[in-house]
Structure formats: structure tokens, C-alpha cells
């Protein structure tokens, strides 16, 4: 925030239900957080947004963890289905729950992670859940 203010970067505060129209064909819908933050940790209050371009959709999940995923599935289950899912929190063991994967039903899952990172991301249990989900959908 300090850097953004120093560099005079425009900031936008968003909450569930806000829609950003990028152009006539592209919109970004804010799925989470709600106007009230439910968790004390910053990761679980990460922005979750769904990009829609015609029939293509992508769900961006920031660094949310399982407790935020549970909340999101409860409040937005019917809005989550997406072509591509950006796996939360670099594929840590505290993300990508079975319930979220069932709601999103992604055709493709992307995990942003550095090679040989010190955290061991992505966690093998996340990879296993993704493989299991894929084998059920084929």
C-alpha cells in the first residue's frame, strides 16, 4: 500500500458482487471478500475474482486457505464453475479443498510456484486431489 501511494498508483477497494468491465467482452466479478472480513489473516481475505470472456471463465483465488474456501463455497457455490482455476496459495496443503474443486469443476488448473521453493509447493496432497478430480471427470 505504501509503495502504491508513493508511486501514485490508483487503488480500488472491491468486495463481493462488484463487477469491473474491462471492455465490452471482458468482465471481472469479485466473488470474495464480502464487505465484512471474516478472518484475521491476510491470506484468507485475499481477493477471489472470476474473469469472463464470452463463454471462457477463469477463477483467480489469490492466497486463500481452506477456511476461506469453505466460506466461498457456502456463499457463492453457483458462481464458481470455471474453465480454468488458478490454484490458491501456490498449491499449499491448506488450499484446493475437495469442496472447492467440486464447485469450480475446472478443465485446467494452474499453480504458480518457483522451482525447488523452500516451502515444497505444490503440496503432493493438492496434486493428488487434482488428479483424482480429473480422473472422475474423464
C-alpha atoms as a PDB file:
ATOM      1  CA  UNK A   1       0.000   0.000   0.000  1.00  0.00           C
ATOM      2  CA  UNK A   2       2.791   2.410   0.907  1.00  0.00           C
ATOM      3  CA  UNK A   3       4.556   1.777  -2.398  1.00  0.00           C
ATOM      4  CA  UNK A   4       1.335   2.243  -4.354  1.00  0.00           C
ATOM      5  CA  UNK A   5       0.681   5.564  -2.611  1.00  0.00           C
ATOM      6  CA  UNK A   6       4.290   6.730  -3.145  1.00  0.00           C
ATOM      7  CA  UNK A   7       4.141   5.827  -6.838  1.00  0.00           C
ATOM      8  CA  UNK A   8       0.660   7.373  -7.193  1.00  0.00           C
ATOM      9  CA  UNK A   9      -0.856   4.097  -8.377  1.00  0.00           C
ATOM     10  CA  UNK A  10      -4.645   4.166  -8.405  1.00  0.00           C
ATOM     11  CA  UNK A  11      -6.109   1.738  -5.881  1.00  0.00           C
ATOM     12  CA  UNK A  12      -9.582   0.272  -5.958  1.00  0.00           C
ATOM     13  CA  UNK A  13     -11.328  -1.264  -2.957  1.00  0.00           C
ATOM     14  CA  UNK A  14     -13.546  -4.140  -4.032  1.00  0.00           C
ATOM     15  CA  UNK A  15     -15.970  -6.513  -2.359  1.00  0.00           C
ATOM     16  CA  UNK A  16     -18.262  -9.388  -3.261  1.00  0.00           C
ATOM     17  CA  UNK A  17     -20.633  -8.503  -6.082  1.00  0.00           C
ATOM     18  CA  UNK A  18     -18.536  -5.721  -7.611  1.00  0.00           C
ATOM     19  CA  UNK A  19     -18.039  -6.014 -11.357  1.00  0.00           C
ATOM     20  CA  UNK A  20     -15.180  -4.468 -13.299  1.00  0.00           C
ATOM     21  CA  UNK A  21     -15.909  -4.152 -17.004  1.00  0.00           C
ATOM     22  CA  UNK A  22     -12.558  -4.357 -18.779  1.00  0.00           C
ATOM     23  CA  UNK A  23     -14.211  -3.878 -22.171  1.00  0.00           C
ATOM     24  CA  UNK A  24     -17.410  -4.954 -23.953  1.00  0.00           C
ATOM     25  CA  UNK A  25     -16.413  -8.642 -23.859  1.00  0.00           C
ATOM     26  CA  UNK A  26     -14.473  -8.984 -20.621  1.00  0.00           C
ATOM     27  CA  UNK A  27     -15.671  -8.599 -17.065  1.00  0.00           C
ATOM     28  CA  UNK A  28     -14.182  -9.381 -13.684  1.00  0.00           C
ATOM     29  CA  UNK A  29     -16.644 -10.238 -10.928  1.00  0.00           C
ATOM     30  CA  UNK A  30     -15.474 -10.076  -7.332  1.00  0.00           C
ATOM     31  CA  UNK A  31     -16.556 -13.248  -5.536  1.00  0.00           C
ATOM     32  CA  UNK A  32     -14.761 -12.579  -2.243  1.00  0.00           C
ATOM     33  CA  UNK A  33     -14.173 -10.960   0.226  1.00  0.00           C
ATOM     34  CA  UNK A  34     -17.534  -9.808   1.416  1.00  0.00           C
ATOM     35  CA  UNK A  35     -17.964  -6.300   2.798  1.00  0.00           C
ATOM     36  CA  UNK A  36     -17.218  -7.760   6.232  1.00  0.00           C
ATOM     37  CA  UNK A  37     -13.897  -9.600   6.588  1.00  0.00           C
ATOM     38  CA  UNK A  38     -14.348 -12.957   8.340  1.00  0.00           C
ATOM     39  CA  UNK A  39     -10.753 -13.881   9.068  1.00  0.00           C
ATOM     40  CA  UNK A  40      -7.827 -12.242  10.858  1.00  0.00           C
ATOM     41  CA  UNK A  41      -5.115 -13.429   8.473  1.00  0.00           C
ATOM     42  CA  UNK A  42      -4.446 -11.601   5.239  1.00  0.00           C
ATOM     43  CA  UNK A  43      -4.267 -14.772   3.097  1.00  0.00           C
ATOM     44  CA  UNK A  44      -7.829 -15.800   3.899  1.00  0.00           C
ATOM     45  CA  UNK A  45      -9.042 -12.327   2.940  1.00  0.00           C
ATOM     46  CA  UNK A  46      -7.399 -12.440  -0.497  1.00  0.00           C
ATOM     47  CA  UNK A  47      -9.454 -11.313  -3.445  1.00  0.00           C
ATOM     48  CA  UNK A  48     -11.184 -14.102  -5.350  1.00  0.00           C
ATOM     49  CA  UNK A  49     -12.302 -12.938  -8.774  1.00  0.00           C
ATOM     50  CA  UNK A  50     -13.888 -14.549 -11.801  1.00  0.00           C
ATOM     51  CA  UNK A  51     -12.903 -13.338 -15.242  1.00  0.00           C
ATOM     52  CA  UNK A  52     -15.421 -13.911 -18.012  1.00  0.00           C
ATOM     53  CA  UNK A  53     -14.689 -13.529 -21.718  1.00  0.00           C
ATOM     54  CA  UNK A  54     -17.633 -14.736 -23.806  1.00  0.00           C
ATOM     55  CA  UNK A  55     -18.013 -18.398 -22.689  1.00  0.00           C
ATOM     56  CA  UNK A  56     -14.487 -18.640 -21.229  1.00  0.00           C
ATOM     57  CA  UNK A  57     -14.121 -18.223 -17.464  1.00  0.00           C
ATOM     58  CA  UNK A  58     -11.186 -18.224 -15.079  1.00  0.00           C
ATOM     59  CA  UNK A  59     -11.285 -18.175 -11.290  1.00  0.00           C
ATOM     60  CA  UNK A  60      -8.398 -16.373  -9.562  1.00  0.00           C
ATOM     61  CA  UNK A  61      -8.082 -17.424  -5.919  1.00  0.00           C
ATOM     62  CA  UNK A  62      -5.175 -15.416  -4.527  1.00  0.00           C
ATOM     63  CA  UNK A  63      -3.702 -16.894  -1.348  1.00  0.00           C
ATOM     64  CA  UNK A  64      -6.920 -18.142   0.270  1.00  0.00           C
ATOM     65  CA  UNK A  65      -6.748 -21.155   2.522  1.00  0.00           C
ATOM     66  CA  UNK A  66      -9.246 -23.904   3.315  1.00  0.00           C
ATOM     67  CA  UNK A  67     -11.321 -21.873   5.798  1.00  0.00           C
ATOM     68  CA  UNK A  68     -11.873 -19.137   3.199  1.00  0.00           C
ATOM     69  CA  UNK A  69     -12.604 -21.763   0.535  1.00  0.00           C
ATOM     70  CA  UNK A  70     -15.308 -23.209   2.784  1.00  0.00           C
ATOM     71  CA  UNK A  71     -16.852 -19.755   3.240  1.00  0.00           C
ATOM     72  CA  UNK A  72     -16.714 -19.070  -0.510  1.00  0.00           C
ATOM     73  CA  UNK A  73     -18.365 -22.380  -1.396  1.00  0.00           C
ATOM     74  CA  UNK A  74     -21.119 -21.582   1.132  1.00  0.00           C
ATOM     75  CA  UNK A  75     -21.850 -18.102  -0.213  1.00  0.00           C
ATOM     76  CA  UNK A  76     -21.094 -18.494  -3.924  1.00  0.00           C
ATOM     77  CA  UNK A  77     -21.289 -22.158  -4.909  1.00  0.00           C
ATOM     78  CA  UNK A  78     -23.338 -21.498  -8.051  1.00  0.00           C
ATOM     79  CA  UNK A  79     -20.943 -18.776  -9.263  1.00  0.00           C
ATOM     80  CA  UNK A  80     -17.683 -20.724  -9.096  1.00  0.00           C
ATOM     81  CA  UNK A  81     -17.762 -23.068 -12.114  1.00  0.00           C
ATOM     82  CA  UNK A  82     -14.859 -22.005 -14.349  1.00  0.00           C
ATOM     83  CA  UNK A  83     -12.876 -23.231 -17.327  1.00  0.00           C
ATOM     84  CA  UNK A  84      -9.560 -22.551 -15.578  1.00  0.00           C
ATOM     85  CA  UNK A  85      -8.781 -22.448 -11.853  1.00  0.00           C
ATOM     86  CA  UNK A  86      -5.716 -20.638 -10.577  1.00  0.00           C
ATOM     87  CA  UNK A  87      -4.873 -22.834  -7.591  1.00  0.00           C
ATOM     88  CA  UNK A  88      -4.715 -20.863  -4.352  1.00  0.00           C
ATOM     89  CA  UNK A  89      -1.675 -20.236  -2.209  1.00  0.00           C
ATOM     90  CA  UNK A  90       0.837 -21.807  -4.630  1.00  0.00           C
ATOM     91  CA  UNK A  91      -0.685 -25.252  -4.087  1.00  0.00           C
ATOM     92  CA  UNK A  92      -0.091 -25.331  -0.330  1.00  0.00           C
ATOM     93  CA  UNK A  93      -1.671 -28.126   1.709  1.00  0.00           C
ATOM     94  CA  UNK A  94      -4.102 -25.580   3.195  1.00  0.00           C
ATOM     95  CA  UNK A  95      -5.793 -24.901  -0.144  1.00  0.00           C
ATOM     96  CA  UNK A  96      -7.703 -26.516  -3.007  1.00  0.00           C
ATOM     97  CA  UNK A  97     -10.158 -28.486  -0.933  1.00  0.00           C
ATOM     98  CA  UNK A  98     -12.313 -31.194  -2.463  1.00  0.00           C
ATOM     99  CA  UNK A  99     -15.406 -28.998  -1.940  1.00  0.00           C
ATOM    100  CA  UNK A 100     -13.915 -26.078  -3.862  1.00  0.00           C
ATOM    101  CA  UNK A 101     -12.769 -28.317  -6.705  1.00  0.00           C
ATOM    102  CA  UNK A 102     -16.268 -29.832  -6.931  1.00  0.00           C
ATOM    103  CA  UNK A 103     -17.825 -26.367  -7.156  1.00  0.00           C
ATOM    104  CA  UNK A 104     -15.358 -24.982  -9.716  1.00  0.00           C
ATOM    105  CA  UNK A 105     -15.150 -28.087 -11.937  1.00  0.00           C
ATOM    106  CA  UNK A 106     -12.104 -26.726 -13.784  1.00  0.00           C
ATOM    107  CA  UNK A 107     -10.938 -28.174 -17.079  1.00  0.00           C
ATOM    108  CA  UNK A 108      -7.458 -26.818 -16.320  1.00  0.00           C
ATOM    109  CA  UNK A 109      -5.743 -25.977 -13.032  1.00  0.00           C
ATOM    110  CA  UNK A 110      -2.731 -23.659 -12.893  1.00  0.00           C
ATOM    111  CA  UNK A 111      -0.288 -23.464  -9.987  1.00  0.00           C
ATOM    112  CA  UNK A 112       2.149 -20.557  -9.729  1.00  0.00           C
ATOM    113  CA  UNK A 113       5.234 -21.823  -7.932  1.00  0.00           C
ATOM    114  CA  UNK A 114       9.007 -21.369  -8.034  1.00  0.00           C
ATOM    115  CA  UNK A 115      11.166 -24.365  -8.869  1.00  0.00           C
ATOM    116  CA  UNK A 116      12.650 -26.041  -5.754  1.00  0.00           C
ATOM    117  CA  UNK A 117      10.979 -23.495  -3.455  1.00  0.00           C
ATOM    118  CA  UNK A 118      11.690 -23.789   0.270  1.00  0.00           C
ATOM    119  CA  UNK A 119       8.031 -24.497   1.080  1.00  0.00           C
ATOM    120  CA  UNK A 120       7.836 -27.611  -1.086  1.00  0.00           C
ATOM    121  CA  UNK A 121       4.926 -26.202  -3.087  1.00  0.00           C
ATOM    122  CA  UNK A 122       2.845 -27.544  -4.623  1.00  0.00           C
ATOM    123  CA  UNK A 123       1.905 -29.959  -1.863  1.00  0.00           C
ATOM    124  CA  UNK A 124       1.513 -33.554  -3.017  1.00  0.00           C
ATOM    125  CA  UNK A 125      -1.990 -33.787  -1.477  1.00  0.00           C
ATOM    126  CA  UNK A 126      -3.150 -30.940  -3.740  1.00  0.00           C
ATOM    127  CA  UNK A 127      -1.704 -32.699  -6.784  1.00  0.00           C
ATOM    128  CA  UNK A 128      -3.444 -35.920  -5.713  1.00  0.00           C
ATOM    129  CA  UNK A 129      -6.809 -34.119  -5.327  1.00  0.00           C
ATOM    130  CA  UNK A 130      -6.416 -32.609  -8.793  1.00  0.00           C
ATOM    131  CA  UNK A 131      -5.535 -35.975 -10.332  1.00  0.00           C
ATOM    132  CA  UNK A 132      -8.489 -37.638  -8.564  1.00  0.00           C
ATOM    133  CA  UNK A 133     -10.833 -34.873  -9.718  1.00  0.00           C
ATOM    134  CA  UNK A 134      -9.578 -35.226 -13.289  1.00  0.00           C
ATOM    135  CA  UNK A 135      -9.976 -38.994 -13.306  1.00  0.00           C
ATOM    136  CA  UNK A 136     -13.593 -38.653 -12.139  1.00  0.00           C
ATOM    137  CA  UNK A 137     -14.401 -36.123 -14.861  1.00  0.00           C
ATOM    138  CA  UNK A 138     -12.967 -38.049 -17.818  1.00  0.00           C
END
